[in-house]
Amino acid sequence: MPNDAHAALDRLMVALLEGDPEAALAETSQLLAAGVSREHIVVAGLETAMTRLDEKCTVEGFNLLEIMLVGRAVSKVVGVLYPEGVSRGEGRATFVIATPEGDIHDLGKNIVKTVLIGKGFRVVDLGQDCPIPHLIEAVEREGAVAALVSGLISSVVPQVRKIKPALAARGLGHVKVVAGGAALKQASAESLDVDYVAETAFDGAHYLEQMVQELP
């Protein structure tokens, strides 16, 4: 890779970490013009930036505004790299994500989606107020290896508890279920009947990365 491309990657990471979408898009365009592959931009640019942000937040405390600004910049770049979304063949693995029926908040879900896409995963977003049968159907249709749910209000807890039994009834008992969000992270994985409860978007991403590495 030419030296100017290495410099553009460095500038891309700076732009992402500063939450500057215009600068990030400019560097992405330069990298694409130089023949750098989308996969390399994701791994060496977006994923590296996400890792640095993760390390910073771990040391200094979780900064939601900073995550949102970086997430916005990453989303813009992902939209250029994958205008039709990350395809099943290109993504490292497929996840389905939703806010369960009864909850119309989607900020947390959107942050998780951005982090995972930035790490090269394919994420199918079912939106907010999503019925559990719709979630199960999407997991089966998309060949997802995990179902991710984010809940801000405690009234969705009974909905979350329905997911694993519904997956098992469809022969999808092997699919992992990960929960997160202000309401859900107050509960244990056992009480929610899920495989993992994520404290933050990055915490969930770490779990999913490890899970994917262990897949047969």
N, C-alpha and C. Protein backbone atom coordinates (compact mmCIF):
# COMPACT_ATOMS: atom_id res chain seq x y z
N MET A 1 0.86 -1.19 0.00
CA MET A 1 0.00 0.00 0.00
C MET A 1 0.89 1.24 0.00
N PRO A 2 0.62 2.21 -0.90
CA PRO A 2 1.46 3.40 -0.98
C PRO A 2 1.48 4.20 0.33
N ASN A 3 2.58 4.98 0.51
CA ASN A 3 2.71 5.76 1.73
C ASN A 3 1.58 6.76 1.91
N ASP A 4 1.11 7.33 0.79
CA ASP A 4 0.03 8.31 0.91
C ASP A 4 -1.26 7.65 1.42
N ALA A 5 -1.42 6.35 1.10
CA ALA A 5 -2.59 5.62 1.60
C ALA A 5 -2.46 5.38 3.10
N HIS A 6 -1.24 5.06 3.54
CA HIS A 6 -1.01 4.89 4.99
C HIS A 6 -1.33 6.19 5.72
N ALA A 7 -0.90 7.30 5.13
CA ALA A 7 -1.17 8.60 5.75
C ALA A 7 -2.66 8.90 5.78
N ALA A 8 -3.36 8.52 4.69
CA ALA A 8 -4.80 8.74 4.63
C ALA A 8 -5.52 7.90 5.68
N LEU A 9 -5.04 6.68 5.92
CA LEU A 9 -5.63 5.84 6.97
C LEU A 9 -5.46 6.48 8.34
N ASP A 10 -4.27 7.02 8.57
CA ASP A 10 -4.03 7.70 9.85
C ASP A 10 -4.96 8.89 10.00
N ARG A 11 -5.11 9.65 8.93
CA ARG A 11 -5.99 10.82 8.99
C ARG A 11 -7.44 10.41 9.15
N LEU A 12 -7.80 9.26 8.54
CA LEU A 12 -9.16 8.74 8.70
C LEU A 12 -9.44 8.43 10.16
N MET A 13 -8.49 7.77 10.82
CA MET A 13 -8.71 7.43 12.23
C MET A 13 -8.84 8.68 13.10
N VAL A 14 -8.03 9.70 12.80
CA VAL A 14 -8.11 10.95 13.55
C VAL A 14 -9.48 11.58 13.35
N ALA A 15 -9.94 11.62 12.09
CA ALA A 15 -11.23 12.22 11.78
C ALA A 15 -12.37 11.48 12.48
N LEU A 16 -12.29 10.16 12.49
CA LEU A 16 -13.32 9.37 13.16
C LEU A 16 -13.34 9.64 14.65
N LEU A 17 -12.17 9.64 15.27
CA LEU A 17 -12.09 9.83 16.71
C LEU A 17 -12.48 11.26 17.12
N GLU A 18 -12.38 12.19 16.17
CA GLU A 18 -12.82 13.56 16.45
C GLU A 18 -14.29 13.76 16.10
N GLY A 19 -14.91 12.70 15.58
CA GLY A 19 -16.32 12.81 15.21
C GLY A 19 -16.56 13.76 14.07
N ASP A 20 -15.64 13.78 13.10
CA ASP A 20 -15.71 14.70 11.96
C ASP A 20 -16.09 13.91 10.70
N PRO A 21 -17.37 13.79 10.39
CA PRO A 21 -17.77 12.96 9.25
C PRO A 21 -17.29 13.48 7.90
N GLU A 22 -17.23 14.80 7.72
CA GLU A 22 -16.80 15.35 6.44
C GLU A 22 -15.33 14.98 6.15
N ALA A 23 -14.48 15.14 7.15
CA ALA A 23 -13.07 14.79 6.97
C ALA A 23 -12.92 13.28 6.78
N ALA A 24 -13.70 12.50 7.52
CA ALA A 24 -13.62 11.04 7.39
C ALA A 24 -14.03 10.60 5.99
N LEU A 25 -15.06 11.21 5.44
CA LEU A 25 -15.51 10.86 4.09
C LEU A 25 -14.46 11.25 3.05
N ALA A 26 -13.81 12.39 3.26
CA ALA A 26 -12.78 12.83 2.32
C ALA A 26 -11.62 11.84 2.29
N GLU A 27 -11.19 11.38 3.45
CA GLU A 27 -10.09 10.41 3.51
C GLU A 27 -10.51 9.06 2.95
N THR A 28 -11.76 8.68 3.18
CA THR A 28 -12.25 7.42 2.63
C THR A 28 -12.26 7.46 1.12
N SER A 29 -12.69 8.56 0.56
CA SER A 29 -12.70 8.71 -0.90
C SER A 29 -11.28 8.62 -1.46
N GLN A 30 -10.33 9.22 -0.75
CA GLN A 30 -8.93 9.16 -1.20
C GLN A 30 -8.41 7.72 -1.16
N LEU A 31 -8.77 7.00 -0.11
CA LEU A 31 -8.32 5.61 0.01
C LEU A 31 -8.91 4.74 -1.09
N LEU A 32 -10.19 4.91 -1.36
CA LEU A 32 -10.83 4.13 -2.42
C LEU A 32 -10.21 4.46 -3.77
N ALA A 33 -9.91 5.73 -4.00
CA ALA A 33 -9.30 6.15 -5.26
C ALA A 33 -7.90 5.56 -5.42
N ALA A 34 -7.23 5.34 -4.29
CA ALA A 34 -5.88 4.76 -4.32
C ALA A 34 -5.91 3.24 -4.45
N GLY A 35 -7.11 2.67 -4.52
CA GLY A 35 -7.24 1.23 -4.70
C GLY A 35 -7.23 0.42 -3.42
N VAL A 36 -7.35 1.07 -2.28
CA VAL A 36 -7.39 0.35 -1.00
C VAL A 36 -8.75 -0.32 -0.87
N SER A 37 -8.77 -1.59 -0.50
CA SER A 37 -10.00 -2.35 -0.44
C SER A 37 -10.89 -1.89 0.71
N ARG A 38 -12.19 -2.09 0.55
CA ARG A 38 -13.13 -1.75 1.60
C ARG A 38 -12.82 -2.52 2.89
N GLU A 39 -12.47 -3.80 2.73
CA GLU A 39 -12.17 -4.62 3.90
C GLU A 39 -10.99 -4.04 4.68
N HIS A 40 -9.97 -3.58 3.95
CA HIS A 40 -8.80 -3.03 4.64
C HIS A 40 -9.14 -1.71 5.33
N ILE A 41 -9.99 -0.91 4.71
CA ILE A 41 -10.41 0.34 5.33
C ILE A 41 -11.17 0.05 6.62
N VAL A 42 -12.01 -0.99 6.60
CA VAL A 42 -12.76 -1.36 7.80
C VAL A 42 -11.82 -1.85 8.90
N VAL A 43 -10.92 -2.77 8.55
CA VAL A 43 -10.06 -3.39 9.57
C VAL A 43 -9.01 -2.41 10.08
N ALA A 44 -8.29 -1.75 9.15
CA ALA A 44 -7.19 -0.87 9.55
C ALA A 44 -7.64 0.53 9.93
N GLY A 45 -8.84 0.91 9.48
CA GLY A 45 -9.33 2.24 9.77
C GLY A 45 -10.43 2.24 10.81
N LEU A 46 -11.61 1.75 10.45
CA LEU A 46 -12.76 1.82 11.35
C LEU A 46 -12.56 0.99 12.61
N GLU A 47 -12.13 -0.25 12.43
CA GLU A 47 -11.99 -1.12 13.61
C GLU A 47 -10.90 -0.62 14.53
N THR A 48 -9.80 -0.13 13.96
CA THR A 48 -8.72 0.41 14.79
C THR A 48 -9.19 1.63 15.56
N ALA A 49 -9.96 2.49 14.90
CA ALA A 49 -10.49 3.67 15.57
C ALA A 49 -11.43 3.27 16.71
N MET A 50 -12.28 2.26 16.45
CA MET A 50 -13.19 1.79 17.49
C MET A 50 -12.42 1.22 18.68
N THR A 51 -11.33 0.51 18.40
CA THR A 51 -10.53 -0.07 19.47
C THR A 51 -9.90 1.03 20.33
N ARG A 52 -9.41 2.06 19.67
CA ARG A 52 -8.80 3.18 20.41
C ARG A 52 -9.84 3.91 21.25
N LEU A 53 -11.03 4.07 20.68
CA LEU A 53 -12.10 4.71 21.44
C LEU A 53 -12.49 3.85 22.63
N ASP A 54 -12.53 2.54 22.41
CA ASP A 54 -12.84 1.60 23.49
C ASP A 54 -11.84 1.74 24.62
N GLU A 55 -10.55 1.77 24.27
CA GLU A 55 -9.50 1.89 25.28
C GLU A 55 -9.62 3.21 26.03
N LYS A 56 -9.92 4.27 25.30
CA LYS A 56 -10.05 5.59 25.92
C LYS A 56 -11.22 5.62 26.90
N CYS A 57 -12.36 5.05 26.46
CA CYS A 57 -13.54 5.05 27.32
C CYS A 57 -13.32 4.18 28.55
N THR A 58 -12.57 3.10 28.38
CA THR A 58 -12.29 2.22 29.51
C THR A 58 -11.48 2.94 30.57
N VAL A 59 -10.51 3.76 30.11
CA VAL A 59 -9.64 4.47 31.03
C VAL A 59 -10.34 5.69 31.64
N GLU A 60 -11.05 6.44 30.80
CA GLU A 60 -11.60 7.73 31.23
C GLU A 60 -13.08 7.66 31.62
N GLY A 61 -13.70 6.52 31.40
CA GLY A 61 -15.13 6.43 31.68
C GLY A 61 -15.93 6.52 30.40
N PHE A 62 -17.06 5.85 30.37
CA PHE A 62 -17.88 5.78 29.16
C PHE A 62 -18.48 7.15 28.86
N ASN A 63 -18.20 7.69 27.68
CA ASN A 63 -18.66 9.01 27.26
C ASN A 63 -19.66 8.84 26.13
N LEU A 64 -20.94 8.91 26.49
CA LEU A 64 -22.00 8.65 25.51
C LEU A 64 -21.97 9.64 24.35
N LEU A 65 -21.74 10.92 24.63
CA LEU A 65 -21.72 11.92 23.56
C LEU A 65 -20.59 11.64 22.59
N GLU A 66 -19.43 11.29 23.11
CA GLU A 66 -18.30 11.00 22.24
C GLU A 66 -18.58 9.77 21.39
N ILE A 67 -19.19 8.76 21.99
CA ILE A 67 -19.55 7.56 21.24
C ILE A 67 -20.51 7.92 20.11
N MET A 68 -21.47 8.78 20.40
CA MET A 68 -22.45 9.18 19.39
C MET A 68 -21.79 9.93 18.23
N LEU A 69 -20.86 10.83 18.55
CA LEU A 69 -20.19 11.61 17.50
C LEU A 69 -19.32 10.71 16.63
N VAL A 70 -18.57 9.84 17.27
CA VAL A 70 -17.75 8.90 16.51
C VAL A 70 -18.66 7.96 15.71
N GLY A 71 -19.74 7.52 16.34
CA GLY A 71 -20.67 6.64 15.66
C GLY A 71 -21.27 7.28 14.42
N ARG A 72 -21.58 8.55 14.49
CA ARG A 72 -22.11 9.27 13.33
C ARG A 72 -21.09 9.28 12.19
N ALA A 73 -19.83 9.56 12.53
CA ALA A 73 -18.78 9.59 11.51
C ALA A 73 -18.57 8.20 10.90
N VAL A 74 -18.54 7.19 11.76
CA VAL A 74 -18.37 5.82 11.27
C VAL A 74 -19.53 5.43 10.36
N SER A 75 -20.74 5.80 10.74
CA SER A 75 -21.93 5.46 9.93
C SER A 75 -21.83 6.07 8.54
N LYS A 76 -21.32 7.30 8.47
CA LYS A 76 -21.17 7.96 7.16
C LYS A 76 -20.19 7.19 6.28
N VAL A 77 -19.08 6.77 6.88
CA VAL A 77 -18.07 6.03 6.11
C VAL A 77 -18.62 4.67 5.69
N VAL A 78 -19.29 3.99 6.61
CA VAL A 78 -19.87 2.69 6.27
C VAL A 78 -20.87 2.83 5.14
N GLY A 79 -21.64 3.93 5.13
CA GLY A 79 -22.61 4.16 4.06
C GLY A 79 -21.97 4.31 2.71
N VAL A 80 -20.74 4.85 2.68
CA VAL A 80 -19.99 4.98 1.43
C VAL A 80 -19.38 3.64 1.02
N LEU A 81 -18.82 2.94 2.00
CA LEU A 81 -18.18 1.66 1.70
C LEU A 81 -19.19 0.58 1.32
N TYR A 82 -20.33 0.60 2.00
CA TYR A 82 -21.36 -0.42 1.76
C TYR A 82 -22.71 0.26 1.60
N PRO A 83 -22.93 0.91 0.46
CA PRO A 83 -24.19 1.64 0.26
C PRO A 83 -25.43 0.76 0.35
N GLU A 84 -25.27 -0.51 0.08
CA GLU A 84 -26.39 -1.45 0.18
C GLU A 84 -26.32 -2.26 1.46
N GLY A 85 -25.42 -1.84 2.36
CA GLY A 85 -25.23 -2.60 3.59
C GLY A 85 -24.14 -3.66 3.42
N VAL A 86 -23.64 -4.18 4.52
CA VAL A 86 -22.65 -5.26 4.48
C VAL A 86 -23.36 -6.54 4.07
N SER A 87 -22.93 -7.14 2.98
CA SER A 87 -23.62 -8.33 2.48
C SER A 87 -23.25 -9.55 3.31
N ARG A 88 -24.06 -10.59 3.18
CA ARG A 88 -23.82 -11.81 3.96
C ARG A 88 -22.45 -12.38 3.65
N GLY A 89 -22.04 -12.30 2.38
CA GLY A 89 -20.74 -12.84 2.00
C GLY A 89 -19.57 -12.02 2.49
N GLU A 90 -19.79 -10.73 2.69
CA GLU A 90 -18.69 -9.84 3.08
C GLU A 90 -18.55 -9.69 4.59
N GLY A 91 -19.64 -9.82 5.31
CA GLY A 91 -19.58 -9.62 6.76
C GLY A 91 -18.90 -10.79 7.47
N ARG A 92 -18.26 -10.49 8.59
CA ARG A 92 -17.59 -11.53 9.37
C ARG A 92 -18.61 -12.51 9.93
N ALA A 93 -19.80 -12.04 10.22
CA ALA A 93 -20.92 -12.85 10.70
C ALA A 93 -22.14 -11.95 10.67
N THR A 94 -23.32 -12.55 10.75
CA THR A 94 -24.56 -11.77 10.72
C THR A 94 -25.24 -11.77 12.07
N PHE A 95 -25.65 -10.58 12.51
CA PHE A 95 -26.43 -10.41 13.73
C PHE A 95 -27.75 -9.73 13.37
N VAL A 96 -28.79 -10.05 14.11
CA VAL A 96 -30.06 -9.33 13.99
C VAL A 96 -30.23 -8.52 15.27
N ILE A 97 -30.60 -7.26 15.12
CA ILE A 97 -30.73 -6.38 16.29
C ILE A 97 -32.08 -5.68 16.29
N ALA A 98 -32.63 -5.47 17.47
CA ALA A 98 -33.94 -4.82 17.57
C ALA A 98 -34.16 -4.27 18.97
N THR A 99 -35.07 -3.31 19.06
CA THR A 99 -35.63 -2.89 20.35
C THR A 99 -36.97 -3.60 20.48
N PRO A 100 -37.18 -4.39 21.54
CA PRO A 100 -38.38 -5.23 21.63
C PRO A 100 -39.68 -4.43 21.66
N GLU A 101 -40.73 -5.11 21.31
CA GLU A 101 -42.07 -4.51 21.30
C GLU A 101 -42.38 -3.88 22.66
N GLY A 102 -42.91 -2.67 22.62
CA GLY A 102 -43.21 -1.94 23.84
C GLY A 102 -42.21 -0.85 24.15
N ASP A 103 -41.09 -0.82 23.41
CA ASP A 103 -40.04 0.18 23.64
C ASP A 103 -39.75 0.87 22.31
N ILE A 104 -39.88 2.19 22.28
CA ILE A 104 -39.67 2.93 21.02
C ILE A 104 -38.33 3.67 21.01
N HIS A 105 -37.46 3.40 21.98
CA HIS A 105 -36.15 4.05 22.02
C HIS A 105 -35.16 3.24 21.20
N ASP A 106 -34.33 3.92 20.43
CA ASP A 106 -33.37 3.16 19.62
C ASP A 106 -31.95 3.72 19.63
N LEU A 107 -31.65 4.67 20.51
CA LEU A 107 -30.31 5.24 20.56
C LEU A 107 -29.27 4.16 20.88
N GLY A 108 -29.51 3.39 21.94
CA GLY A 108 -28.56 2.35 22.32
C GLY A 108 -28.38 1.33 21.22
N LYS A 109 -29.50 0.93 20.62
CA LYS A 109 -29.44 -0.04 19.51
C LYS A 109 -28.59 0.49 18.37
N ASN A 110 -28.76 1.76 18.05
CA ASN A 110 -28.04 2.34 16.93
C ASN A 110 -26.54 2.43 17.20
N ILE A 111 -26.18 2.69 18.45
CA ILE A 111 -24.76 2.74 18.80
C ILE A 111 -24.14 1.35 18.66
N VAL A 112 -24.83 0.33 19.17
CA VAL A 112 -24.33 -1.04 19.04
C VAL A 112 -24.18 -1.43 17.57
N LYS A 113 -25.18 -1.10 16.78
CA LYS A 113 -25.14 -1.41 15.35
C LYS A 113 -23.92 -0.77 14.69
N THR A 114 -23.67 0.48 15.01
CA THR A 114 -22.56 1.21 14.42
C THR A 114 -21.22 0.58 14.81
N VAL A 115 -21.08 0.25 16.09
CA VAL A 115 -19.84 -0.37 16.55
C VAL A 115 -19.59 -1.69 15.81
N LEU A 116 -20.63 -2.50 15.68
CA LEU A 116 -20.47 -3.82 15.05
C LEU A 116 -20.19 -3.70 13.56
N ILE A 117 -20.87 -2.79 12.88
CA ILE A 117 -20.61 -2.59 11.46
C ILE A 117 -19.19 -2.07 11.26
N GLY A 118 -18.77 -1.18 12.16
CA GLY A 118 -17.41 -0.67 12.08
C GLY A 118 -16.37 -1.76 12.25
N LYS A 119 -16.75 -2.84 12.91
CA LYS A 119 -15.84 -3.97 13.10
C LYS A 119 -15.99 -5.02 11.99
N GLY A 120 -16.80 -4.71 10.99
CA GLY A 120 -16.90 -5.59 9.83
C GLY A 120 -17.99 -6.63 9.88
N PHE A 121 -18.89 -6.55 10.86
CA PHE A 121 -19.99 -7.50 10.93
C PHE A 121 -21.18 -7.01 10.10
N ARG A 122 -22.02 -7.94 9.69
CA ARG A 122 -23.27 -7.61 9.01
C ARG A 122 -24.36 -7.55 10.07
N VAL A 123 -25.06 -6.43 10.14
CA VAL A 123 -26.09 -6.24 11.15
C VAL A 123 -27.42 -5.92 10.48
N VAL A 124 -28.41 -6.73 10.73
CA VAL A 124 -29.75 -6.51 10.20
C VAL A 124 -30.57 -5.83 11.28
N ASP A 125 -30.96 -4.59 11.04
CA ASP A 125 -31.66 -3.77 12.04
C ASP A 125 -33.16 -3.86 11.82
N LEU A 126 -33.87 -4.38 12.81
CA LEU A 126 -35.33 -4.52 12.72
C LEU A 126 -36.06 -3.33 13.34
N GLY A 127 -35.31 -2.34 13.81
CA GLY A 127 -35.93 -1.13 14.33
C GLY A 127 -36.43 -1.27 15.75
N GLN A 128 -37.35 -0.38 16.11
CA GLN A 128 -37.88 -0.33 17.47
C GLN A 128 -39.28 -0.94 17.52
N ASP A 129 -39.75 -1.20 18.74
CA ASP A 129 -41.09 -1.75 18.94
C ASP A 129 -41.28 -3.03 18.12
N CYS A 130 -40.25 -3.89 18.14
CA CYS A 130 -40.23 -5.09 17.28
C CYS A 130 -40.88 -6.29 17.97
N PRO A 131 -41.92 -6.89 17.38
CA PRO A 131 -42.52 -8.11 17.95
C PRO A 131 -41.51 -9.26 17.95
N ILE A 132 -41.55 -10.08 18.96
CA ILE A 132 -40.60 -11.19 19.05
C ILE A 132 -40.73 -12.15 17.87
N PRO A 133 -41.94 -12.49 17.39
CA PRO A 133 -42.01 -13.37 16.21
C PRO A 133 -41.28 -12.80 15.00
N HIS A 134 -41.32 -11.49 14.85
CA HIS A 134 -40.61 -10.83 13.74
C HIS A 134 -39.11 -11.02 13.90
N LEU A 135 -38.63 -10.90 15.14
CA LEU A 135 -37.21 -11.10 15.43
C LEU A 135 -36.78 -12.53 15.10
N ILE A 136 -37.57 -13.49 15.52
CA ILE A 136 -37.23 -14.90 15.28
C ILE A 136 -37.21 -15.20 13.78
N GLU A 137 -38.19 -14.70 13.06
CA GLU A 137 -38.25 -14.91 11.61
C GLU A 137 -37.02 -14.33 10.93
N ALA A 138 -36.59 -13.16 11.37
CA ALA A 138 -35.42 -12.52 10.77
C ALA A 138 -34.14 -13.30 11.06
N VAL A 139 -34.02 -13.82 12.27
CA VAL A 139 -32.85 -14.64 12.61
C VAL A 139 -32.75 -15.82 11.66
N GLU A 140 -33.88 -16.49 11.43
CA GLU A 140 -33.89 -17.65 10.55
C GLU A 140 -33.62 -17.25 9.10
N ARG A 141 -34.28 -16.21 8.65
CA ARG A 141 -34.16 -15.76 7.26
C ARG A 141 -32.74 -15.28 6.93
N GLU A 142 -32.13 -14.57 7.85
CA GLU A 142 -30.83 -13.95 7.58
C GLU A 142 -29.65 -14.84 7.95
N GLY A 143 -29.91 -15.99 8.55
CA GLY A 143 -28.81 -16.86 8.96
C GLY A 143 -27.97 -16.24 10.06
N ALA A 144 -28.62 -15.53 10.98
CA ALA A 144 -27.90 -14.83 12.04
C ALA A 144 -27.35 -15.80 13.08
N VAL A 145 -26.20 -15.45 13.64
CA VAL A 145 -25.59 -16.28 14.69
C VAL A 145 -25.94 -15.75 16.07
N ALA A 146 -26.54 -14.55 16.12
CA ALA A 146 -26.94 -13.99 17.41
C ALA A 146 -28.08 -13.01 17.21
N ALA A 147 -28.96 -12.94 18.22
CA ALA A 147 -30.04 -11.95 18.25
C ALA A 147 -29.69 -10.95 19.35
N LEU A 148 -29.71 -9.67 19.00
CA LEU A 148 -29.32 -8.63 19.94
C LEU A 148 -30.53 -7.76 20.24
N VAL A 149 -30.78 -7.51 21.52
CA VAL A 149 -31.92 -6.68 21.90
C VAL A 149 -31.47 -5.60 22.88
N SER A 150 -32.00 -4.40 22.67
CA SER A 150 -31.68 -3.28 23.54
C SER A 150 -32.97 -2.73 24.12
N GLY A 151 -33.02 -2.55 25.45
CA GLY A 151 -34.23 -2.05 26.09
C GLY A 151 -33.94 -0.94 27.07
N LEU A 152 -34.67 0.16 26.94
CA LEU A 152 -34.49 1.28 27.85
C LEU A 152 -35.49 1.26 28.99
N ILE A 153 -36.63 0.58 28.77
CA ILE A 153 -37.67 0.55 29.81
C ILE A 153 -37.90 -0.89 30.27
N SER A 154 -38.19 -1.03 31.56
CA SER A 154 -38.26 -2.36 32.17
C SER A 154 -39.46 -3.18 31.70
N SER A 155 -40.43 -2.54 31.09
CA SER A 155 -41.62 -3.28 30.65
C SER A 155 -41.32 -4.28 29.54
N VAL A 156 -40.14 -4.17 28.91
CA VAL A 156 -39.82 -5.11 27.82
C VAL A 156 -39.18 -6.40 28.35
N VAL A 157 -38.89 -6.46 29.64
CA VAL A 157 -38.25 -7.66 30.19
C VAL A 157 -39.03 -8.93 29.87
N PRO A 158 -40.36 -8.96 30.04
CA PRO A 158 -41.10 -10.19 29.67
C PRO A 158 -40.96 -10.56 28.20
N GLN A 159 -40.81 -9.56 27.34
CA GLN A 159 -40.62 -9.83 25.92
C GLN A 159 -39.27 -10.51 25.68
N VAL A 160 -38.25 -10.02 26.35
CA VAL A 160 -36.90 -10.59 26.19
C VAL A 160 -36.89 -12.05 26.62
N ARG A 161 -37.62 -12.37 27.70
CA ARG A 161 -37.64 -13.74 28.20
C ARG A 161 -38.28 -14.72 27.23
N LYS A 162 -38.99 -14.22 26.26
CA LYS A 162 -39.64 -15.10 25.27
C LYS A 162 -38.70 -15.52 24.14
N ILE A 163 -37.56 -14.83 24.00
CA ILE A 163 -36.74 -15.00 22.80
C ILE A 163 -36.13 -16.39 22.70
N LYS A 164 -35.42 -16.85 23.74
CA LYS A 164 -34.75 -18.14 23.64
C LYS A 164 -35.74 -19.30 23.46
N PRO A 165 -36.85 -19.34 24.20
CA PRO A 165 -37.83 -20.41 23.94
C PRO A 165 -38.37 -20.37 22.52
N ALA A 166 -38.58 -19.15 21.99
CA ALA A 166 -39.10 -19.03 20.62
C ALA A 166 -38.07 -19.50 19.60
N LEU A 167 -36.80 -19.20 19.86
CA LEU A 167 -35.73 -19.67 18.97
C LEU A 167 -35.65 -21.20 19.00
N ALA A 168 -35.70 -21.75 20.20
CA ALA A 168 -35.62 -23.21 20.34
C ALA A 168 -36.77 -23.90 19.63
N ALA A 169 -37.95 -23.28 19.68
CA ALA A 169 -39.13 -23.87 19.03
C ALA A 169 -38.98 -23.91 17.52
N ARG A 170 -38.13 -23.04 16.98
CA ARG A 170 -37.89 -23.00 15.53
C ARG A 170 -36.62 -23.75 15.14
N GLY A 171 -36.06 -24.49 16.08
CA GLY A 171 -34.82 -25.21 15.80
C GLY A 171 -33.60 -24.32 15.75
N LEU A 172 -33.68 -23.17 16.43
CA LEU A 172 -32.60 -22.19 16.42
C LEU A 172 -32.00 -22.01 17.81
N GLY A 173 -32.03 -23.08 18.59
CA GLY A 173 -31.54 -22.99 19.96
C GLY A 173 -30.06 -22.66 20.06
N HIS A 174 -29.31 -22.85 18.97
CA HIS A 174 -27.88 -22.55 18.98
C HIS A 174 -27.59 -21.06 18.86
N VAL A 175 -28.57 -20.27 18.46
CA VAL A 175 -28.38 -18.83 18.26
C VAL A 175 -28.26 -18.14 19.61
N LYS A 176 -27.21 -17.35 19.78
CA LYS A 176 -26.99 -16.64 21.04
C LYS A 176 -27.93 -15.44 21.13
N VAL A 177 -28.28 -15.08 22.36
CA VAL A 177 -29.10 -13.89 22.60
C VAL A 177 -28.33 -12.97 23.54
N VAL A 178 -28.14 -11.74 23.09
CA VAL A 178 -27.40 -10.74 23.87
C VAL A 178 -28.32 -9.56 24.14
N ALA A 179 -28.39 -9.13 25.40
CA ALA A 179 -29.24 -8.02 25.79
C ALA A 179 -28.40 -6.86 26.30
N GLY A 180 -28.93 -5.66 26.16
CA GLY A 180 -28.25 -4.47 26.66
C GLY A 180 -29.23 -3.32 26.77
N GLY A 181 -28.74 -2.19 27.22
CA GLY A 181 -29.62 -1.04 27.40
C GLY A 181 -29.88 -0.78 28.87
N ALA A 182 -30.32 0.42 29.18
CA ALA A 182 -30.45 0.87 30.57
C ALA A 182 -31.28 -0.06 31.43
N ALA A 183 -32.40 -0.55 30.90
CA ALA A 183 -33.28 -1.41 31.70
C ALA A 183 -32.73 -2.83 31.80
N LEU A 184 -32.31 -3.38 30.68
CA LEU A 184 -31.92 -4.79 30.64
C LEU A 184 -30.62 -5.06 31.37
N LYS A 185 -29.70 -4.11 31.37
CA LYS A 185 -28.42 -4.39 32.04
C LYS A 185 -28.53 -4.33 33.56
N GLN A 186 -29.69 -3.98 34.06
CA GLN A 186 -29.92 -4.03 35.49
C GLN A 186 -30.23 -5.46 35.96
N ALA A 187 -30.53 -6.32 34.98
CA ALA A 187 -30.90 -7.71 35.30
C ALA A 187 -29.76 -8.65 34.94
N SER A 188 -29.83 -9.86 35.47
CA SER A 188 -28.81 -10.87 35.17
C SER A 188 -29.19 -11.63 33.90
N ALA A 189 -28.20 -12.28 33.31
CA ALA A 189 -28.47 -13.09 32.13
C ALA A 189 -29.46 -14.21 32.46
N GLU A 190 -29.34 -14.77 33.66
CA GLU A 190 -30.23 -15.86 34.06
C GLU A 190 -31.67 -15.38 34.18
N SER A 191 -31.87 -14.22 34.79
CA SER A 191 -33.24 -13.74 34.98
C SER A 191 -33.90 -13.32 33.67
N LEU A 192 -33.07 -12.92 32.69
CA LEU A 192 -33.61 -12.53 31.38
C LEU A 192 -33.69 -13.73 30.42
N ASP A 193 -33.04 -14.84 30.82
CA ASP A 193 -32.93 -16.02 29.96
C ASP A 193 -32.24 -15.65 28.65
N VAL A 194 -31.06 -15.02 28.76
CA VAL A 194 -30.23 -14.70 27.60
C VAL A 194 -28.83 -15.24 27.85
N ASP A 195 -28.01 -15.20 26.82
CA ASP A 195 -26.65 -15.71 26.96
C ASP A 195 -25.69 -14.69 27.57
N TYR A 196 -25.98 -13.41 27.35
CA TYR A 196 -25.07 -12.38 27.85
C TYR A 196 -25.80 -11.06 28.00
N VAL A 197 -25.45 -10.32 29.05
CA VAL A 197 -25.96 -8.96 29.23
C VAL A 197 -24.78 -8.01 29.12
N ALA A 198 -24.82 -7.14 28.13
CA ALA A 198 -23.70 -6.23 27.87
C ALA A 198 -23.84 -4.95 28.68
N GLU A 199 -22.75 -4.53 29.30
CA GLU A 199 -22.74 -3.28 30.05
C GLU A 199 -22.69 -2.08 29.11
N THR A 200 -21.93 -2.21 28.02
CA THR A 200 -21.79 -1.14 27.03
C THR A 200 -21.79 -1.75 25.64
N ALA A 201 -21.82 -0.89 24.62
CA ALA A 201 -21.77 -1.37 23.25
C ALA A 201 -20.48 -2.14 22.99
N PHE A 202 -19.37 -1.63 23.53
CA PHE A 202 -18.09 -2.30 23.32
C PHE A 202 -18.01 -3.61 24.07
N ASP A 203 -18.58 -3.65 25.25
CA ASP A 203 -18.62 -4.90 26.02
C ASP A 203 -19.36 -5.97 25.22
N GLY A 204 -20.50 -5.59 24.65
CA GLY A 204 -21.24 -6.53 23.81
C GLY A 204 -20.46 -6.96 22.59
N ALA A 205 -19.76 -6.01 21.98
CA ALA A 205 -18.96 -6.33 20.79
C ALA A 205 -17.84 -7.30 21.13
N HIS A 206 -17.22 -7.12 22.29
CA HIS A 206 -16.16 -8.05 22.72
C HIS A 206 -16.71 -9.46 22.85
N TYR A 207 -17.85 -9.57 23.49
CA TYR A 207 -18.46 -10.89 23.67
C TYR A 207 -18.76 -11.53 22.31
N LEU A 208 -19.32 -10.75 21.40
CA LEU A 208 -19.70 -11.29 20.09
C LEU A 208 -18.47 -11.67 19.26
N GLU A 209 -17.43 -10.87 19.35
CA GLU A 209 -16.20 -11.21 18.63
C GLU A 209 -15.64 -12.55 19.12
N GLN A 210 -15.61 -12.73 20.43
CA GLN A 210 -15.13 -13.99 20.99
C GLN A 210 -16.03 -15.14 20.58
N MET A 211 -17.32 -14.90 20.58
CA MET A 211 -18.29 -15.92 20.21
C MET A 211 -18.08 -16.37 18.77
N VAL A 212 -17.88 -15.39 17.87
CA VAL A 212 -17.70 -15.70 16.45
C VAL A 212 -16.41 -16.50 16.24
N GLN A 213 -15.37 -16.16 16.99
CA GLN A 213 -14.09 -16.88 16.86
C GLN A 213 -14.24 -18.34 17.26
N GLU A 214 -15.18 -18.62 18.14
CA GLU A 214 -15.36 -19.99 18.63
C GLU A 214 -16.36 -20.80 17.82
N LEU A 215 -16.97 -20.16 16.81
CA LEU A 215 -17.94 -20.88 15.99
C LEU A 215 -17.22 -21.96 15.17
N PRO A 216 -17.88 -23.10 14.96
CA PRO A 216 -17.25 -24.17 14.17
C PRO A 216 -17.09 -23.77 12.72
